[in-house]
Amino acid sequence: MKKGDASELCIMGDKYRTGKIGQWPDDHMAFECYVQASEKGNAKAFFNLGMYYLKGKVVGRDTNKASYYITKAANAGLKEAEAYLAWQRIGSNKGVEKEKALEYIDNATKKGSPVAWYIKGLLARSGIFQSNNSDNADFCFKQATFYGFNKK
């Protein structure tokens, strides 16, 4: 595979992953594209690699590598990774994890992540981080819909 621009490699990886190149999805080629894009510092590639390790597709399941890549994507500002890490940390009993979850949610909602808005709505409704506030929850769910959230 010819090495190119990191964004182009990610797009190519997405096309292989979804079957838009060739007759069937090709996770092996997608993974290779994401590896090359990650070597160039692409945040989306970090996130996609993390998801491959998390699911154990193409590579063996490795939650440490998954966490490493997804955190790297979140630290690079990828809203999908921030929303994912927030959701992952919500169940933690550690105060530090909850604070980090709120930080990730706030960052991702400011960037317009529909998933982050939905999670924020769930948090407002449940009172996990604050007292139950249905008005705030409704606002968050409306924002999630506005940004394209589709609960499928």
C-alpha atoms as a PDB file:
ATOM      1  CA  MET A   1       0.000   0.000   0.000  1.00  0.00           C
ATOM      2  CA  LYS A   2       1.307   3.405  -0.940  1.00  0.00           C
ATOM      3  CA  LYS A   3       1.876   5.731   1.979  1.00  0.00           C
ATOM      4  CA  GLY A   4       0.012   9.009   1.687  1.00  0.00           C
ATOM      5  CA  ASP A   5      -1.558  11.773   3.695  1.00  0.00           C
ATOM      6  CA  ALA A   6      -2.869  10.651   7.107  1.00  0.00           C
ATOM      7  CA  SER A   7      -6.411  11.871   6.408  1.00  0.00           C
ATOM      8  CA  GLU A   8      -6.470  10.093   3.049  1.00  0.00           C
ATOM      9  CA  LEU A   9      -5.246   6.905   4.702  1.00  0.00           C
ATOM     10  CA  CYS A  10      -8.071   7.141   7.254  1.00  0.00           C
ATOM     11  CA  ILE A  11     -10.650   7.653   4.522  1.00  0.00           C
ATOM     12  CA  MET A  12      -9.207   4.669   2.671  1.00  0.00           C
ATOM     13  CA  GLY A  13      -9.359   2.618   5.874  1.00  0.00           C
ATOM     14  CA  ASP A  14     -13.003   3.587   6.368  1.00  0.00           C
ATOM     15  CA  LYS A  15     -13.770   2.515   2.809  1.00  0.00           C
ATOM     16  CA  TYR A  16     -12.086  -0.853   3.297  1.00  0.00           C
ATOM     17  CA  ARG A  17     -13.842  -1.326   6.658  1.00  0.00           C
ATOM     18  CA  THR A  18     -17.294  -0.603   5.205  1.00  0.00           C
ATOM     19  CA  GLY A  19     -16.819  -2.482   1.935  1.00  0.00           C
ATOM     20  CA  LYS A  20     -16.828   0.591  -0.301  1.00  0.00           C
ATOM     21  CA  ILE A  21     -13.584  -0.667  -1.827  1.00  0.00           C
ATOM     22  CA  GLY A  22     -13.825  -4.159  -3.223  1.00  0.00           C
ATOM     23  CA  GLN A  23     -16.787  -6.446  -2.949  1.00  0.00           C
ATOM     24  CA  TRP A  24     -16.678  -7.080   0.811  1.00  0.00           C
ATOM     25  CA  PRO A  25     -15.431  -5.234   3.888  1.00  0.00           C
ATOM     26  CA  ASP A  26     -11.729  -5.873   4.438  1.00  0.00           C
ATOM     27  CA  ASP A  27     -10.731  -5.276   8.054  1.00  0.00           C
ATOM     28  CA  HIS A  28      -7.124  -6.314   7.425  1.00  0.00           C
ATOM     29  CA  MET A  29      -6.608  -3.596   4.811  1.00  0.00           C
ATOM     30  CA  ALA A  30      -8.537  -1.087   6.940  1.00  0.00           C
ATOM     31  CA  PHE A  31      -6.328  -1.882   9.940  1.00  0.00           C
ATOM     32  CA  GLU A  32      -3.185  -1.381   7.837  1.00  0.00           C
ATOM     33  CA  CYS A  33      -4.445   2.015   6.644  1.00  0.00           C
ATOM     34  CA  TYR A  34      -5.168   3.047  10.236  1.00  0.00           C
ATOM     35  CA  VAL A  35      -1.717   1.903  11.372  1.00  0.00           C
ATOM     36  CA  GLN A  36      -0.065   4.034   8.688  1.00  0.00           C
ATOM     37  CA  ALA A  37      -2.272   7.038   9.492  1.00  0.00           C
ATOM     38  CA  SER A  38      -1.556   6.654  13.223  1.00  0.00           C
ATOM     39  CA  GLU A  39       2.168   6.738  12.501  1.00  0.00           C
ATOM     40  CA  LYS A  40       1.509  10.217  11.103  1.00  0.00           C
ATOM     41  CA  GLY A  41      -0.373  11.232  14.266  1.00  0.00           C
ATOM     42  CA  ASN A  42      -3.971  10.992  12.993  1.00  0.00           C
ATOM     43  CA  ALA A  43      -6.450  11.054  15.913  1.00  0.00           C
ATOM     44  CA  LYS A  44      -9.200   9.182  14.062  1.00  0.00           C
ATOM     45  CA  ALA A  45      -6.717   6.434  13.215  1.00  0.00           C
ATOM     46  CA  PHE A  46      -5.795   6.128  16.906  1.00  0.00           C
ATOM     47  CA  PHE A  47      -9.477   5.754  17.776  1.00  0.00           C
ATOM     48  CA  ASN A  48     -10.116   3.161  15.071  1.00  0.00           C
ATOM     49  CA  LEU A  49      -7.070   1.134  16.124  1.00  0.00           C
ATOM     50  CA  GLY A  50      -8.323   1.267  19.703  1.00  0.00           C
ATOM     51  CA  MET A  51     -11.687  -0.084  18.606  1.00  0.00           C
ATOM     52  CA  TYR A  52     -10.029  -2.913  16.667  1.00  0.00           C
ATOM     53  CA  TYR A  53      -8.066  -3.902  19.783  1.00  0.00           C
ATOM     54  CA  LEU A  54     -11.151  -3.551  21.959  1.00  0.00           C
ATOM     55  CA  LYS A  55     -13.239  -5.803  19.710  1.00  0.00           C
ATOM     56  CA  GLY A  56     -10.403  -8.198  18.903  1.00  0.00           C
ATOM     57  CA  LYS A  57     -10.892  -7.787  15.159  1.00  0.00           C
ATOM     58  CA  VAL A  58      -7.848  -8.505  12.976  1.00  0.00           C
ATOM     59  CA  VAL A  59      -5.674  -8.442  16.101  1.00  0.00           C
ATOM     60  CA  GLY A  60      -6.170 -10.242  19.383  1.00  0.00           C
ATOM     61  CA  ARG A  61      -8.328  -8.471  21.948  1.00  0.00           C
ATOM     62  CA  ASP A  62      -6.067  -6.272  24.045  1.00  0.00           C
ATOM     63  CA  THR A  63      -7.808  -3.840  26.370  1.00  0.00           C
ATOM     64  CA  ASN A  64      -4.525  -2.156  27.336  1.00  0.00           C
ATOM     65  CA  LYS A  65      -3.717  -1.298  23.715  1.00  0.00           C
ATOM     66  CA  ALA A  66      -7.350  -0.319  23.144  1.00  0.00           C
ATOM     67  CA  SER A  67      -7.238   2.070  26.076  1.00  0.00           C
ATOM     68  CA  TYR A  68      -3.874   3.444  24.938  1.00  0.00           C
ATOM     69  CA  TYR A  69      -5.084   4.273  21.421  1.00  0.00           C
ATOM     70  CA  ILE A  70      -8.507   5.590  22.438  1.00  0.00           C
ATOM     71  CA  THR A  71      -6.955   7.801  25.122  1.00  0.00           C
ATOM     72  CA  LYS A  72      -4.407   9.044  22.585  1.00  0.00           C
ATOM     73  CA  ALA A  73      -7.294   9.963  20.251  1.00  0.00           C
ATOM     74  CA  ALA A  74      -9.150  11.754  23.062  1.00  0.00           C
ATOM     75  CA  ASN A  75      -6.017  13.656  24.079  1.00  0.00           C
ATOM     76  CA  ALA A  76      -5.671  14.727  20.444  1.00  0.00           C
ATOM     77  CA  GLY A  77      -9.200  16.162  20.709  1.00  0.00           C
ATOM     78  CA  LEU A  78     -11.289  13.585  18.822  1.00  0.00           C
ATOM     79  CA  LYS A  79     -14.829  14.077  20.133  1.00  0.00           C
ATOM     80  CA  GLU A  80     -15.862  10.441  19.526  1.00  0.00           C
ATOM     81  CA  ALA A  81     -12.974   9.231  21.672  1.00  0.00           C
ATOM     82  CA  GLU A  82     -13.771  11.766  24.395  1.00  0.00           C
ATOM     83  CA  ALA A  83     -17.408  10.624  24.479  1.00  0.00           C
ATOM     84  CA  TYR A  84     -16.341   6.957  24.574  1.00  0.00           C
ATOM     85  CA  LEU A  85     -13.897   7.497  27.441  1.00  0.00           C
ATOM     86  CA  ALA A  86     -16.468   9.510  29.371  1.00  0.00           C
ATOM     87  CA  TRP A  87     -18.973   6.681  29.102  1.00  0.00           C
ATOM     88  CA  GLN A  88     -16.297   4.158  30.083  1.00  0.00           C
ATOM     89  CA  ARG A  89     -15.395   6.128  33.226  1.00  0.00           C
ATOM     90  CA  ILE A  90     -18.948   6.770  34.419  1.00  0.00           C
ATOM     91  CA  GLY A  91     -19.201   3.353  36.041  1.00  0.00           C
ATOM     92  CA  SER A  92     -16.025   3.886  38.027  1.00  0.00           C
ATOM     93  CA  ASN A  93     -16.279   4.359  41.771  1.00  0.00           C
ATOM     94  CA  LYS A  94     -13.160   6.520  41.770  1.00  0.00           C
ATOM     95  CA  GLY A  95     -13.760  10.259  42.093  1.00  0.00           C
ATOM     96  CA  VAL A  96     -10.866  10.998  39.735  1.00  0.00           C
ATOM     97  CA  GLU A  97     -12.463   8.863  37.021  1.00  0.00           C
ATOM     98  CA  LYS A  98     -15.773  10.700  37.380  1.00  0.00           C
ATOM     99  CA  GLU A  99     -14.049  14.077  37.153  1.00  0.00           C
ATOM    100  CA  LYS A 100     -12.232  12.921  34.012  1.00  0.00           C
ATOM    101  CA  ALA A 101     -15.537  11.646  32.601  1.00  0.00           C
ATOM    102  CA  LEU A 102     -17.108  15.072  33.068  1.00  0.00           C
ATOM    103  CA  GLU A 103     -14.106  16.714  31.442  1.00  0.00           C
ATOM    104  CA  TYR A 104     -14.358  14.404  28.417  1.00  0.00           C
ATOM    105  CA  ILE A 105     -18.133  14.969  28.144  1.00  0.00           C
ATOM    106  CA  ASP A 106     -17.760  18.749  28.342  1.00  0.00           C
ATOM    107  CA  ASN A 107     -15.019  18.748  25.685  1.00  0.00           C
ATOM    108  CA  ALA A 108     -16.991  16.505  23.352  1.00  0.00           C
ATOM    109  CA  THR A 109     -20.269  18.448  23.703  1.00  0.00           C
ATOM    110  CA  LYS A 110     -18.457  21.717  22.955  1.00  0.00           C
ATOM    111  CA  LYS A 111     -17.320  20.089  19.697  1.00  0.00           C
ATOM    112  CA  GLY A 112     -20.872  19.004  18.852  1.00  0.00           C
ATOM    113  CA  SER A 113     -20.660  15.268  19.544  1.00  0.00           C
ATOM    114  CA  PRO A 114     -24.206  13.869  19.395  1.00  0.00           C
ATOM    115  CA  VAL A 115     -23.207  10.858  21.501  1.00  0.00           C
ATOM    116  CA  ALA A 116     -21.698  13.105  24.179  1.00  0.00           C
ATOM    117  CA  TRP A 117     -24.902  15.169  24.323  1.00  0.00           C
ATOM    118  CA  TYR A 118     -26.930  11.972  24.708  1.00  0.00           C
ATOM    119  CA  ILE A 119     -24.662  10.724  27.520  1.00  0.00           C
ATOM    120  CA  LYS A 120     -24.898  14.124  29.208  1.00  0.00           C
ATOM    121  CA  GLY A 121     -28.693  13.835  29.033  1.00  0.00           C
ATOM    122  CA  LEU A 122     -28.580  10.392  30.626  1.00  0.00           C
ATOM    123  CA  LEU A 123     -26.350  11.749  33.381  1.00  0.00           C
ATOM    124  CA  ALA A 124     -28.658  14.712  34.022  1.00  0.00           C
ATOM    125  CA  ARG A 125     -31.682  12.435  34.149  1.00  0.00           C
ATOM    126  CA  SER A 126     -30.074   9.864  36.456  1.00  0.00           C
ATOM    127  CA  GLY A 127     -28.424  12.312  38.852  1.00  0.00           C
ATOM    128  CA  ILE A 128     -25.127  10.389  38.777  1.00  0.00           C
ATOM    129  CA  PHE A 129     -22.996  13.546  38.885  1.00  0.00           C
ATOM    130  CA  GLN A 130     -25.599  16.064  39.988  1.00  0.00           C
ATOM    131  CA  SER A 131     -29.139  16.111  41.267  1.00  0.00           C
ATOM    132  CA  ASN A 132     -31.776  14.859  38.838  1.00  0.00           C
ATOM    133  CA  ASN A 133     -32.629  17.668  36.437  1.00  0.00           C
ATOM    134  CA  SER A 134     -35.203  16.722  33.789  1.00  0.00           C
ATOM    135  CA  ASP A 135     -35.113  20.167  32.115  1.00  0.00           C
ATOM    136  CA  ASN A 136     -31.356  19.879  31.608  1.00  0.00           C
ATOM    137  CA  ALA A 137     -31.770  16.274  30.434  1.00  0.00           C
ATOM    138  CA  ASP A 138     -34.400  17.324  27.872  1.00  0.00           C
ATOM    139  CA  PHE A 139     -32.106  20.093  26.612  1.00  0.00           C
ATOM    140  CA  CYS A 140     -29.222  17.614  26.239  1.00  0.00           C
ATOM    141  CA  PHE A 141     -31.384  15.102  24.366  1.00  0.00           C
ATOM    142  CA  LYS A 142     -32.566  17.868  22.008  1.00  0.00           C
ATOM    143  CA  GLN A 143     -28.949  18.855  21.381  1.00  0.00           C
ATOM    144  CA  ALA A 144     -28.077  15.208  20.679  1.00  0.00           C
ATOM    145  CA  THR A 145     -30.859  15.064  18.093  1.00  0.00           C
ATOM    146  CA  PHE A 146     -29.817  18.403  16.613  1.00  0.00           C
ATOM    147  CA  TYR A 147     -26.255  17.115  16.096  1.00  0.00           C
ATOM    148  CA  GLY A 148     -27.529  13.928  14.443  1.00  0.00           C
ATOM    149  CA  PHE A 149     -27.844  11.366  17.219  1.00  0.00           C
ATOM    150  CA  ASN A 150     -29.864   8.358  16.135  1.00  0.00           C
ATOM    151  CA  LYS A 151     -30.478   5.778  18.859  1.00  0.00           C
ATOM    152  CA  LYS A 152     -30.132   2.547  16.845  1.00  0.00           C
END
